[in-house]
């Protein structure tokens, strides 16, 4: 049986689907406001969830500036999402 990553998370991945089944519908903006306000993804360090924690992002925070310097990249466009914790 394949590993269902959707089930292997510390929150109810069907929360908003269940609300929709009850006739409660959120706009995209309201959905993410609700996720942020309630820490729906159960992140300890970040409201963006454990994937945005310091532990998970430490290596890229260390290596990315070095890579940009080595490749002589002077302009970098970052399209952020989440709570901006690691910035």
PDB file of N, CA and C in Angstrom:
ATOM      1  N   UNK A   1       0.845  -1.181   0.000  1.00  0.00           N
ATOM      2  CA  UNK A   1       0.000   0.000   0.000  1.00  0.00           C
ATOM      3  C   UNK A   1       0.890   1.244   0.000  1.00  0.00           C
ATOM      4  N   UNK A   2       0.582   2.189  -0.841  1.00  0.00           N
ATOM      5  CA  UNK A   2       1.372   3.418  -0.961  1.00  0.00           C
ATOM      6  C   UNK A   2       1.164   4.304   0.266  1.00  0.00           C
ATOM      7  N   UNK A   3       2.201   5.036   0.609  1.00  0.00           N
ATOM      8  CA  UNK A   3       2.131   5.974   1.723  1.00  0.00           C
ATOM      9  C   UNK A   3       1.297   7.186   1.303  1.00  0.00           C
ATOM     10  N   UNK A   4       0.231   7.464   2.005  1.00  0.00           N
ATOM     11  CA  UNK A   4      -0.612   8.611   1.708  1.00  0.00           C
ATOM     12  C   UNK A   4      -0.121   9.787   2.538  1.00  0.00           C
ATOM     13  N   UNK A   5       0.688  10.646   1.917  1.00  0.00           N
ATOM     14  CA  UNK A   5       1.279  11.780   2.634  1.00  0.00           C
ATOM     15  C   UNK A   5       0.215  12.715   3.189  1.00  0.00           C
ATOM     16  N   UNK A   6      -0.947  12.744   2.572  1.00  0.00           N
ATOM     17  CA  UNK A   6      -2.008  13.626   3.053  1.00  0.00           C
ATOM     18  C   UNK A   6      -2.473  13.205   4.443  1.00  0.00           C
ATOM     19  N   UNK A   7      -2.375  11.925   4.735  1.00  0.00           N
ATOM     20  CA  UNK A   7      -2.794  11.422   6.048  1.00  0.00           C
ATOM     21  C   UNK A   7      -1.696  11.587   7.096  1.00  0.00           C
ATOM     22  N   UNK A   8      -0.465  11.785   6.676  1.00  0.00           N
ATOM     23  CA  UNK A   8       0.671  11.837   7.592  1.00  0.00           C
ATOM     24  C   UNK A   8       1.012  13.278   7.959  1.00  0.00           C
ATOM     25  N   UNK A   9       0.034  13.994   8.474  1.00  0.00           N
ATOM     26  CA  UNK A   9       0.209  15.391   8.862  1.00  0.00           C
ATOM     27  C   UNK A   9      -0.435  15.609  10.232  1.00  0.00           C
ATOM     28  N   UNK A  10       0.035  16.622  10.981  1.00  0.00           N
ATOM     29  CA  UNK A  10      -0.477  16.830  12.343  1.00  0.00           C
ATOM     30  C   UNK A  10      -1.766  17.648  12.405  1.00  0.00           C
ATOM     31  N   UNK A  11      -2.573  17.610  11.358  1.00  0.00           N
ATOM     32  CA  UNK A  11      -3.826  18.354  11.333  1.00  0.00           C
ATOM     33  C   UNK A  11      -4.822  17.592  10.475  1.00  0.00           C
ATOM     34  N   UNK A  12      -6.058  18.012  10.488  1.00  0.00           N
ATOM     35  CA  UNK A  12      -7.096  17.359   9.690  1.00  0.00           C
ATOM     36  C   UNK A  12      -7.010  17.864   8.254  1.00  0.00           C
ATOM     37  N   UNK A  13      -6.495  17.048   7.323  1.00  0.00           N
ATOM     38  CA  UNK A  13      -6.343  17.517   5.946  1.00  0.00           C
ATOM     39  C   UNK A  13      -7.680  17.691   5.225  1.00  0.00           C
ATOM     40  N   UNK A  14      -8.743  17.212   5.831  1.00  0.00           N
ATOM     41  CA  UNK A  14     -10.064  17.306   5.201  1.00  0.00           C
ATOM     42  C   UNK A  14     -10.951  18.360   5.861  1.00  0.00           C
ATOM     43  N   UNK A  15     -10.376  19.184   6.735  1.00  0.00           N
ATOM     44  CA  UNK A  15     -11.140  20.170   7.504  1.00  0.00           C
ATOM     45  C   UNK A  15     -12.016  21.049   6.608  1.00  0.00           C
ATOM     46  N   UNK A  16     -11.412  21.673   5.611  1.00  0.00           N
ATOM     47  CA  UNK A  16     -12.172  22.600   4.770  1.00  0.00           C
ATOM     48  C   UNK A  16     -13.132  21.865   3.839  1.00  0.00           C
ATOM     49  N   UNK A  17     -12.777  20.653   3.452  1.00  0.00           N
ATOM     50  CA  UNK A  17     -13.678  19.834   2.645  1.00  0.00           C
ATOM     51  C   UNK A  17     -14.920  19.470   3.465  1.00  0.00           C
ATOM     52  N   UNK A  18     -14.731  19.167   4.738  1.00  0.00           N
ATOM     53  CA  UNK A  18     -15.862  18.858   5.621  1.00  0.00           C
ATOM     54  C   UNK A  18     -16.763  20.080   5.798  1.00  0.00           C
ATOM     55  N   UNK A  19     -16.154  21.253   5.973  1.00  0.00           N
ATOM     56  CA  UNK A  19     -16.948  22.477   6.107  1.00  0.00           C
ATOM     57  C   UNK A  19     -17.760  22.735   4.848  1.00  0.00           C
ATOM     58  N   UNK A  20     -17.150  22.503   3.699  1.00  0.00           N
ATOM     59  CA  UNK A  20     -17.861  22.683   2.434  1.00  0.00           C
ATOM     60  C   UNK A  20     -19.063  21.739   2.365  1.00  0.00           C
ATOM     61  N   UNK A  21     -18.887  20.515   2.862  1.00  0.00           N
ATOM     62  CA  UNK A  21     -19.986  19.553   2.914  1.00  0.00           C
ATOM     63  C   UNK A  21     -21.119  20.008   3.820  1.00  0.00           C
ATOM     64  N   UNK A  22     -20.810  20.888   4.773  1.00  0.00           N
ATOM     65  CA  UNK A  22     -21.818  21.450   5.678  1.00  0.00           C
ATOM     66  C   UNK A  22     -22.386  22.757   5.139  1.00  0.00           C
ATOM     67  N   UNK A  23     -21.972  23.117   3.926  1.00  0.00           N
ATOM     68  CA  UNK A  23     -22.467  24.347   3.315  1.00  0.00           C
ATOM     69  C   UNK A  23     -21.677  25.586   3.688  1.00  0.00           C
ATOM     70  N   UNK A  24     -20.557  25.405   4.368  1.00  0.00           N
ATOM     71  CA  UNK A  24     -19.707  26.535   4.759  1.00  0.00           C
ATOM     72  C   UNK A  24     -18.568  26.633   3.754  1.00  0.00           C
ATOM     73  N   UNK A  25     -18.513  27.746   3.061  1.00  0.00           N
ATOM     74  CA  UNK A  25     -17.507  27.916   2.019  1.00  0.00           C
ATOM     75  C   UNK A  25     -16.650  29.139   2.326  1.00  0.00           C
ATOM     76  N   UNK A  26     -15.357  28.992   2.152  1.00  0.00           N
ATOM     77  CA  UNK A  26     -14.403  30.069   2.372  1.00  0.00           C
ATOM     78  C   UNK A  26     -13.799  30.499   1.044  1.00  0.00           C
ATOM     79  N   UNK A  27     -13.559  31.791   0.902  1.00  0.00           N
ATOM     80  CA  UNK A  27     -12.771  32.257  -0.238  1.00  0.00           C
ATOM     81  C   UNK A  27     -11.327  31.824   0.014  1.00  0.00           C
ATOM     82  N   UNK A  28     -10.486  31.908  -0.989  1.00  0.00           N
ATOM     83  CA  UNK A  28      -9.075  31.566  -0.801  1.00  0.00           C
ATOM     84  C   UNK A  28      -8.476  32.440   0.292  1.00  0.00           C
ATOM     85  N   UNK A  29      -8.776  33.736   0.252  1.00  0.00           N
ATOM     86  CA  UNK A  29      -8.238  34.652   1.263  1.00  0.00           C
ATOM     87  C   UNK A  29      -8.704  34.251   2.659  1.00  0.00           C
ATOM     88  N   UNK A  30      -9.990  33.978   2.819  1.00  0.00           N
ATOM     89  CA  UNK A  30     -10.515  33.596   4.129  1.00  0.00           C
ATOM     90  C   UNK A  30      -9.957  32.251   4.597  1.00  0.00           C
ATOM     91  N   UNK A  31      -9.735  31.337   3.663  1.00  0.00           N
ATOM     92  CA  UNK A  31      -9.153  30.047   4.018  1.00  0.00           C
ATOM     93  C   UNK A  31      -7.792  30.242   4.658  1.00  0.00           C
ATOM     94  N   UNK A  32      -6.924  31.023   4.005  1.00  0.00           N
ATOM     95  CA  UNK A  32      -5.581  31.210   4.544  1.00  0.00           C
ATOM     96  C   UNK A  32      -5.571  32.092   5.789  1.00  0.00           C
ATOM     97  N   UNK A  33      -6.505  33.021   5.889  1.00  0.00           N
ATOM     98  CA  UNK A  33      -6.617  33.793   7.130  1.00  0.00           C
ATOM     99  C   UNK A  33      -6.989  32.869   8.287  1.00  0.00           C
ATOM    100  N   UNK A  34      -7.900  31.941   8.029  1.00  0.00           N
ATOM    101  CA  UNK A  34      -8.307  30.985   9.052  1.00  0.00           C
ATOM    102  C   UNK A  34      -7.145  30.071   9.435  1.00  0.00           C
ATOM    103  N   UNK A  35      -6.413  29.576   8.448  1.00  0.00           N
ATOM    104  CA  UNK A  35      -5.258  28.711   8.711  1.00  0.00           C
ATOM    105  C   UNK A  35      -4.246  29.447   9.573  1.00  0.00           C
ATOM    106  N   UNK A  36      -3.969  30.700   9.234  1.00  0.00           N
ATOM    107  CA  UNK A  36      -2.993  31.510   9.969  1.00  0.00           C
ATOM    108  C   UNK A  36      -3.484  31.799  11.388  1.00  0.00           C
ATOM    109  N   UNK A  37      -4.726  32.231  11.500  1.00  0.00           N
ATOM    110  CA  UNK A  37      -5.287  32.641  12.793  1.00  0.00           C
ATOM    111  C   UNK A  37      -5.359  31.470  13.785  1.00  0.00           C
ATOM    112  N   UNK A  38      -5.636  30.266  13.282  1.00  0.00           N
ATOM    113  CA  UNK A  38      -5.811  29.107  14.164  1.00  0.00           C
ATOM    114  C   UNK A  38      -4.585  28.198  14.236  1.00  0.00           C
ATOM    115  N   UNK A  39      -3.507  28.560  13.519  1.00  0.00           N
ATOM    116  CA  UNK A  39      -2.325  27.692  13.402  1.00  0.00           C
ATOM    117  C   UNK A  39      -2.767  26.290  12.986  1.00  0.00           C
ATOM    118  N   UNK A  40      -3.610  26.234  11.967  1.00  0.00           N
ATOM    119  CA  UNK A  40      -4.223  24.988  11.496  1.00  0.00           C
ATOM    120  C   UNK A  40      -3.189  23.920  11.150  1.00  0.00           C
ATOM    121  N   UNK A  41      -2.027  24.327  10.635  1.00  0.00           N
ATOM    122  CA  UNK A  41      -1.005  23.356  10.226  1.00  0.00           C
ATOM    123  C   UNK A  41      -0.115  22.933  11.388  1.00  0.00           C
ATOM    124  N   UNK A  42      -0.406  23.405  12.588  1.00  0.00           N
ATOM    125  CA  UNK A  42       0.239  22.960  13.832  1.00  0.00           C
ATOM    126  C   UNK A  42       1.750  23.138  13.861  1.00  0.00           C
ATOM    127  N   UNK A  43       2.247  24.198  13.246  1.00  0.00           N
ATOM    128  CA  UNK A  43       3.688  24.449  13.275  1.00  0.00           C
ATOM    129  C   UNK A  43       4.141  24.940  14.636  1.00  0.00           C
ATOM    130  N   UNK A  44       5.253  24.420  15.107  1.00  0.00           N
ATOM    131  CA  UNK A  44       5.807  24.866  16.386  1.00  0.00           C
ATOM    132  C   UNK A  44       6.536  26.197  16.229  1.00  0.00           C
ATOM    133  N   UNK A  45       7.309  26.352  15.135  1.00  0.00           N
ATOM    134  CA  UNK A  45       8.086  27.566  14.878  1.00  0.00           C
ATOM    135  C   UNK A  45       7.371  28.537  13.952  1.00  0.00           C
ATOM    136  N   UNK A  46       6.508  28.019  13.104  1.00  0.00           N
ATOM    137  CA  UNK A  46       5.934  28.822  12.031  1.00  0.00           C
ATOM    138  C   UNK A  46       4.473  28.475  11.825  1.00  0.00           C
ATOM    139  N   UNK A  47       3.682  29.478  11.554  1.00  0.00           N
ATOM    140  CA  UNK A  47       2.271  29.238  11.245  1.00  0.00           C
ATOM    141  C   UNK A  47       2.110  28.613   9.864  1.00  0.00           C
ATOM    142  N   UNK A  48       3.198  28.511   9.124  1.00  0.00           N
ATOM    143  CA  UNK A  48       3.181  27.862   7.809  1.00  0.00           C
ATOM    144  C   UNK A  48       3.367  26.354   7.928  1.00  0.00           C
ATOM    145  N   UNK A  49       3.465  25.836   9.135  1.00  0.00           N
ATOM    146  CA  UNK A  49       3.610  24.402   9.349  1.00  0.00           C
ATOM    147  C   UNK A  49       5.051  24.001   9.594  1.00  0.00           C
ATOM    148  N   UNK A  50       5.235  22.738   9.941  1.00  0.00           N
ATOM    149  CA  UNK A  50       6.564  22.252  10.295  1.00  0.00           C
ATOM    150  C   UNK A  50       7.549  22.283   9.137  1.00  0.00           C
ATOM    151  N   UNK A  51       7.077  22.255   7.901  1.00  0.00           N
ATOM    152  CA  UNK A  51       7.979  22.337   6.753  1.00  0.00           C
ATOM    153  C   UNK A  51       8.685  23.671   6.658  1.00  0.00           C
ATOM    154  N   UNK A  52       8.178  24.678   7.351  1.00  0.00           N
ATOM    155  CA  UNK A  52       8.797  26.006   7.356  1.00  0.00           C
ATOM    156  C   UNK A  52       9.555  26.272   8.654  1.00  0.00           C
ATOM    157  N   UNK A  53       9.748  25.238   9.454  1.00  0.00           N
ATOM    158  CA  UNK A  53      10.442  25.418  10.733  1.00  0.00           C
ATOM    159  C   UNK A  53      11.918  25.707  10.509  1.00  0.00           C
ATOM    160  N   UNK A  54      12.553  26.244  11.519  1.00  0.00           N
ATOM    161  CA  UNK A  54      13.986  26.524  11.452  1.00  0.00           C
ATOM    162  C   UNK A  54      14.762  25.252  11.150  1.00  0.00           C
ATOM    163  N   UNK A  55      14.378  24.149  11.762  1.00  0.00           N
ATOM    164  CA  UNK A  55      15.054  22.874  11.523  1.00  0.00           C
ATOM    165  C   UNK A  55      14.974  22.478  10.053  1.00  0.00           C
ATOM    166  N   UNK A  56      13.807  22.647   9.448  1.00  0.00           N
ATOM    167  CA  UNK A  56      13.612  22.248   8.055  1.00  0.00           C
ATOM    168  C   UNK A  56      14.253  23.208   7.060  1.00  0.00           C
ATOM    169  N   UNK A  57      14.425  24.465   7.426  1.00  0.00           N
ATOM    170  CA  UNK A  57      14.918  25.466   6.470  1.00  0.00           C
ATOM    171  C   UNK A  57      16.349  25.919   6.738  1.00  0.00           C
ATOM    172  N   UNK A  58      16.967  25.415   7.792  1.00  0.00           N
ATOM    173  CA  UNK A  58      18.307  25.881   8.170  1.00  0.00           C
ATOM    174  C   UNK A  58      19.325  25.703   7.052  1.00  0.00           C
ATOM    175  N   UNK A  59      19.330  24.561   6.409  1.00  0.00           N
ATOM    176  CA  UNK A  59      20.342  24.315   5.377  1.00  0.00           C
ATOM    177  C   UNK A  59      20.186  25.273   4.200  1.00  0.00           C
ATOM    178  N   UNK A  60      18.959  25.503   3.755  1.00  0.00           N
ATOM    179  CA  UNK A  60      18.782  26.420   2.627  1.00  0.00           C
ATOM    180  C   UNK A  60      19.091  27.855   3.036  1.00  0.00           C
ATOM    181  N   UNK A  61      18.810  28.210   4.294  1.00  0.00           N
ATOM    182  CA  UNK A  61      19.155  29.554   4.767  1.00  0.00           C
ATOM    183  C   UNK A  61      20.667  29.760   4.780  1.00  0.00           C
ATOM    184  N   UNK A  62      21.401  28.702   5.018  1.00  0.00           N
ATOM    185  CA  UNK A  62      22.860  28.773   5.026  1.00  0.00           C
ATOM    186  C   UNK A  62      23.432  28.715   3.614  1.00  0.00           C
ATOM    187  N   UNK A  63      22.927  27.798   2.804  1.00  0.00           N
ATOM    188  CA  UNK A  63      23.515  27.519   1.493  1.00  0.00           C
ATOM    189  C   UNK A  63      23.086  28.482   0.391  1.00  0.00           C
ATOM    190  N   UNK A  64      21.870  28.986   0.448  1.00  0.00           N
ATOM    191  CA  UNK A  64      21.379  29.829  -0.646  1.00  0.00           C
ATOM    192  C   UNK A  64      22.222  31.086  -0.853  1.00  0.00           C
ATOM    193  N   UNK A  65      22.563  31.839   0.182  1.00  0.00           N
ATOM    194  CA  UNK A  65      23.413  33.017  -0.046  1.00  0.00           C
ATOM    195  C   UNK A  65      24.770  32.656  -0.664  1.00  0.00           C
ATOM    196  N   UNK A  66      25.332  31.526  -0.247  1.00  0.00           N
ATOM    197  CA  UNK A  66      26.615  31.090  -0.805  1.00  0.00           C
ATOM    198  C   UNK A  66      26.479  30.733  -2.283  1.00  0.00           C
ATOM    199  N   UNK A  67      25.400  30.054  -2.625  1.00  0.00           N
ATOM    200  CA  UNK A  67      25.153  29.689  -4.023  1.00  0.00           C
ATOM    201  C   UNK A  67      24.954  30.926  -4.887  1.00  0.00           C
ATOM    202  N   UNK A  68      24.171  31.875  -4.401  1.00  0.00           N
ATOM    203  CA  UNK A  68      23.940  33.107  -5.156  1.00  0.00           C
ATOM    204  C   UNK A  68      25.248  33.860  -5.375  1.00  0.00           C
ATOM    205  N   UNK A  69      26.075  33.885  -4.360  1.00  0.00           N
ATOM    206  CA  UNK A  69      27.373  34.559  -4.481  1.00  0.00           C
ATOM    207  C   UNK A  69      28.273  33.819  -5.473  1.00  0.00           C
ATOM    208  N   UNK A  70      28.333  32.515  -5.364  1.00  0.00           N
ATOM    209  CA  UNK A  70      29.187  31.719  -6.247  1.00  0.00           C
ATOM    210  C   UNK A  70      28.769  31.854  -7.708  1.00  0.00           C
ATOM    211  N   UNK A  71      27.474  31.913  -7.952  1.00  0.00           N
ATOM    212  CA  UNK A  71      26.964  32.046  -9.320  1.00  0.00           C
ATOM    213  C   UNK A  71      26.869  33.502  -9.760  1.00  0.00           C
ATOM    214  N   UNK A  72      27.289  34.404  -8.893  1.00  0.00           N
ATOM    215  CA  UNK A  72      27.286  35.844  -9.154  1.00  0.00           C
ATOM    216  C   UNK A  72      25.887  36.351  -9.533  1.00  0.00           C
ATOM    217  N   UNK A  73      24.923  35.873  -8.797  1.00  0.00           N
ATOM    218  CA  UNK A  73      23.539  36.300  -9.000  1.00  0.00           C
ATOM    219  C   UNK A  73      23.306  37.529  -8.135  1.00  0.00           C
ATOM    220  N   UNK A  74      22.979  38.636  -8.783  1.00  0.00           N
ATOM    221  CA  UNK A  74      22.791  39.882  -8.036  1.00  0.00           C
ATOM    222  C   UNK A  74      21.320  40.235  -7.855  1.00  0.00           C
ATOM    223  N   UNK A  75      20.456  39.601  -8.613  1.00  0.00           N
ATOM    224  CA  UNK A  75      19.022  39.846  -8.492  1.00  0.00           C
ATOM    225  C   UNK A  75      18.328  38.511  -8.279  1.00  0.00           C
ATOM    226  N   UNK A  76      17.457  38.490  -7.286  1.00  0.00           N
ATOM    227  CA  UNK A  76      16.774  37.249  -6.938  1.00  0.00           C
ATOM    228  C   UNK A  76      15.333  37.598  -6.602  1.00  0.00           C
ATOM    229  N   UNK A  77      14.390  37.011  -7.293  1.00  0.00           N
ATOM    230  CA  UNK A  77      12.976  37.252  -7.031  1.00  0.00           C
ATOM    231  C   UNK A  77      12.447  36.128  -6.158  1.00  0.00           C
ATOM    232  N   UNK A  78      12.010  36.481  -4.998  1.00  0.00           N
ATOM    233  CA  UNK A  78      11.430  35.520  -4.071  1.00  0.00           C
ATOM    234  C   UNK A  78       9.937  35.798  -3.999  1.00  0.00           C
ATOM    235  N   UNK A  79       9.144  34.831  -4.384  1.00  0.00           N
ATOM    236  CA  UNK A  79       7.692  34.974  -4.309  1.00  0.00           C
ATOM    237  C   UNK A  79       7.239  34.295  -3.023  1.00  0.00           C
ATOM    238  N   UNK A  80       7.156  35.069  -1.950  1.00  0.00           N
ATOM    239  CA  UNK A  80       6.919  34.479  -0.639  1.00  0.00           C
ATOM    240  C   UNK A  80       5.500  33.964  -0.460  1.00  0.00           C
ATOM    241  N   UNK A  81       5.417  32.992   0.392  1.00  0.00           N
ATOM    242  CA  UNK A  81       4.125  32.530   0.886  1.00  0.00           C
ATOM    243  C   UNK A  81       4.362  32.159   2.341  1.00  0.00           C
ATOM    244  N   UNK A  82       3.341  32.095   3.083  1.00  0.00           N
ATOM    245  CA  UNK A  82       3.506  31.738   4.480  1.00  0.00           C
ATOM    246  C   UNK A  82       3.577  32.951   5.382  1.00  0.00           C
ATOM    247  N   UNK A  83       4.158  32.755   6.544  1.00  0.00           N
ATOM    248  CA  UNK A  83       4.154  33.808   7.561  1.00  0.00           C
ATOM    249  C   UNK A  83       5.459  34.594   7.622  1.00  0.00           C
ATOM    250  N   UNK A  84       6.351  34.391   6.681  1.00  0.00           N
ATOM    251  CA  UNK A  84       7.613  35.141   6.573  1.00  0.00           C
ATOM    252  C   UNK A  84       8.526  34.908   7.771  1.00  0.00           C
ATOM    253  N   UNK A  85       8.380  33.820   8.463  1.00  0.00           N
ATOM    254  CA  UNK A  85       9.164  33.560   9.665  1.00  0.00           C
ATOM    255  C   UNK A  85      10.659  33.510   9.398  1.00  0.00           C
ATOM    256  N   UNK A  86      11.090  32.923   8.289  1.00  0.00           N
ATOM    257  CA  UNK A  86      12.519  32.720   8.056  1.00  0.00           C
ATOM    258  C   UNK A  86      13.184  33.891   7.353  1.00  0.00           C
ATOM    259  N   UNK A  87      12.473  34.990   7.152  1.00  0.00           N
ATOM    260  CA  UNK A  87      13.080  36.134   6.478  1.00  0.00           C
ATOM    261  C   UNK A  87      13.774  37.038   7.457  1.00  0.00           C
TER     262      UNK A  87
END
